[in-house]
N, C-alpha and C. Protein backbone atom coordinates (compact mmCIF):
# COMPACT_ATOMS: atom_id res chain seq x y z
N UNK A 1 252.98 98.24 -89.26
CA UNK A 1 252.49 99.61 -89.59
C UNK A 1 251.76 99.87 -88.31
N UNK A 2 251.89 101.13 -87.77
CA UNK A 2 251.19 101.32 -86.53
C UNK A 2 249.78 102.22 -87.12
N UNK A 3 248.89 102.50 -86.31
CA UNK A 3 247.44 103.07 -86.52
C UNK A 3 248.04 104.28 -87.04
N UNK A 4 248.68 105.00 -86.61
CA UNK A 4 248.60 106.45 -87.42
C UNK A 4 248.98 106.39 -88.82
N UNK A 5 250.39 105.49 -88.68
CA UNK A 5 250.74 105.44 -90.25
C UNK A 5 249.66 104.87 -91.27
N UNK A 6 248.89 103.90 -91.01
CA UNK A 6 247.71 103.54 -91.59
C UNK A 6 246.68 104.68 -91.77
N UNK A 7 246.17 105.41 -90.98
CA UNK A 7 245.32 106.51 -91.39
C UNK A 7 246.01 107.66 -92.21
N UNK A 8 247.56 107.75 -92.03
CA UNK A 8 247.89 108.77 -92.99
C UNK A 8 247.82 108.19 -94.32
N UNK A 9 247.96 107.15 -94.45
CA UNK A 9 248.20 106.63 -95.88
C UNK A 9 246.85 106.50 -96.48
N UNK A 10 245.64 105.95 -95.48
CA UNK A 10 244.37 106.26 -96.13
C UNK A 10 244.08 107.37 -96.50
N UNK A 11 244.38 108.12 -95.75
CA UNK A 11 244.19 109.93 -96.00
C UNK A 11 244.90 110.21 -97.52
N UNK A 12 245.75 109.91 -97.52
CA UNK A 12 246.38 110.34 -98.81
C UNK A 12 245.85 109.70 -99.98
N UNK A 13 245.43 108.48 -99.92
CA UNK A 13 244.80 107.56 -100.86
C UNK A 13 243.36 107.99 -101.07
N UNK A 14 242.62 108.97 -99.88
CA UNK A 14 241.62 109.48 -100.64
C UNK A 14 241.66 110.96 -101.25
N UNK A 15 242.50 111.62 -100.65
CA UNK A 15 242.82 112.91 -101.11
C UNK A 15 243.24 112.86 -102.65
N UNK A 16 244.11 111.98 -103.19
CA UNK A 16 244.68 111.56 -104.40
C UNK A 16 243.64 110.84 -105.42
N UNK A 17 242.40 110.17 -104.90
CA UNK A 17 241.70 109.79 -105.41
C UNK A 17 240.80 111.11 -105.73
N UNK A 18 240.33 111.82 -104.79
CA UNK A 18 239.53 112.88 -104.88
C UNK A 18 239.89 113.91 -105.74
N UNK A 19 241.23 114.30 -105.83
CA UNK A 19 241.89 115.02 -106.84
C UNK A 19 241.88 114.49 -108.35
N UNK A 20 241.60 113.28 -108.51
CA UNK A 20 241.52 112.55 -109.94
C UNK A 20 240.48 112.78 -110.39
N UNK A 21 239.43 112.37 -109.44
CA UNK A 21 237.99 112.53 -109.60
C UNK A 21 237.61 113.84 -110.19
N UNK A 22 238.12 114.93 -109.45
CA UNK A 22 237.99 116.66 -109.78
C UNK A 22 238.44 116.57 -111.02
N UNK A 23 240.01 116.23 -111.30
CA UNK A 23 240.64 116.50 -112.72
C UNK A 23 239.82 115.79 -113.87
N UNK A 24 239.23 114.71 -113.98
CA UNK A 24 238.34 114.05 -114.64
C UNK A 24 237.14 115.06 -114.91
N UNK A 25 236.53 115.24 -113.77
CA UNK A 25 235.32 116.49 -114.27
C UNK A 25 235.73 117.61 -114.81
N UNK A 26 236.70 118.34 -114.45
CA UNK A 26 237.13 119.36 -115.20
C UNK A 26 237.48 119.05 -116.53
N UNK A 27 237.79 118.11 -116.97
CA UNK A 27 238.41 117.74 -118.33
C UNK A 27 236.88 117.75 -118.97
N UNK A 28 235.82 117.57 -118.67
CA UNK A 28 234.60 116.96 -119.15
C UNK A 28 234.32 115.49 -119.50
N UNK A 29 234.83 114.82 -118.42
CA UNK A 29 234.82 113.34 -119.11
C UNK A 29 233.88 112.73 -118.11
N UNK A 30 232.80 113.33 -117.42
CA UNK A 30 231.86 112.82 -116.81
C UNK A 30 230.91 112.55 -117.93
N UNK A 31 230.47 113.52 -118.88
CA UNK A 31 229.33 113.14 -120.12
C UNK A 31 229.66 111.79 -120.77
N UNK A 32 230.94 111.92 -120.83
CA UNK A 32 231.65 110.75 -121.74
C UNK A 32 231.42 109.28 -121.07
N UNK A 33 231.99 109.54 -119.80
CA UNK A 33 231.63 108.11 -119.28
C UNK A 33 229.90 107.64 -118.98
N UNK A 34 229.09 109.07 -118.87
CA UNK A 34 227.58 108.54 -118.47
C UNK A 34 227.02 108.01 -119.66
N UNK A 35 227.55 108.59 -120.81
CA UNK A 35 227.08 108.33 -122.30
C UNK A 35 227.40 107.05 -122.48
N UNK A 36 228.99 106.35 -122.18
CA UNK A 36 228.92 104.93 -122.40
C UNK A 36 228.24 103.83 -121.21
N UNK A 37 227.91 104.46 -120.16
CA UNK A 37 227.44 103.60 -118.96
C UNK A 37 225.94 103.41 -119.73
N UNK A 38 225.48 104.81 -120.02
CA UNK A 38 223.98 104.40 -120.58
C UNK A 38 223.77 103.43 -121.75
N UNK A 39 224.93 103.36 -122.87
CA UNK A 39 224.71 102.70 -124.19
C UNK A 39 225.20 100.94 -123.34
N UNK A 40 225.95 100.59 -122.42
CA UNK A 40 225.97 99.61 -122.29
C UNK A 40 224.83 99.25 -121.41
N UNK A 41 223.72 99.74 -120.63
CA UNK A 41 222.84 99.08 -119.76
C UNK A 41 221.91 98.96 -121.08
N UNK A 42 221.68 100.08 -121.98
CA UNK A 42 220.69 99.86 -123.13
C UNK A 42 220.96 98.33 -123.78
N UNK A 43 222.22 98.09 -124.04
CA UNK A 43 222.63 97.00 -124.85
C UNK A 43 221.82 95.71 -124.01
N UNK A 44 222.29 95.82 -122.55
CA UNK A 44 222.17 94.37 -121.56
C UNK A 44 221.14 94.19 -121.53
N UNK A 45 220.25 95.35 -121.15
CA UNK A 45 218.64 95.12 -121.33
C UNK A 45 217.96 94.84 -122.60
N UNK A 46 218.54 95.41 -123.51
CA UNK A 46 218.02 94.73 -124.87
C UNK A 46 217.10 95.99 -125.64
N UNK A 47 216.97 97.16 -125.11
CA UNK A 47 216.41 98.15 -125.45
C UNK A 47 216.82 99.03 -126.51
N UNK A 48 217.97 98.66 -126.64
CA UNK A 48 218.91 99.32 -127.93
C UNK A 48 219.19 98.96 -129.35
């Protein structure tokens, strides 16, 4: 693969990743992920 093709593939993957992050945020999944992360952290630390 030449350098231009690698750059195009990387750019497409970044664009696709950003699109999925924005789609998840639009669906309100940020709060769900945040709550799960807080619960996991509190369980590991032993505060919860």
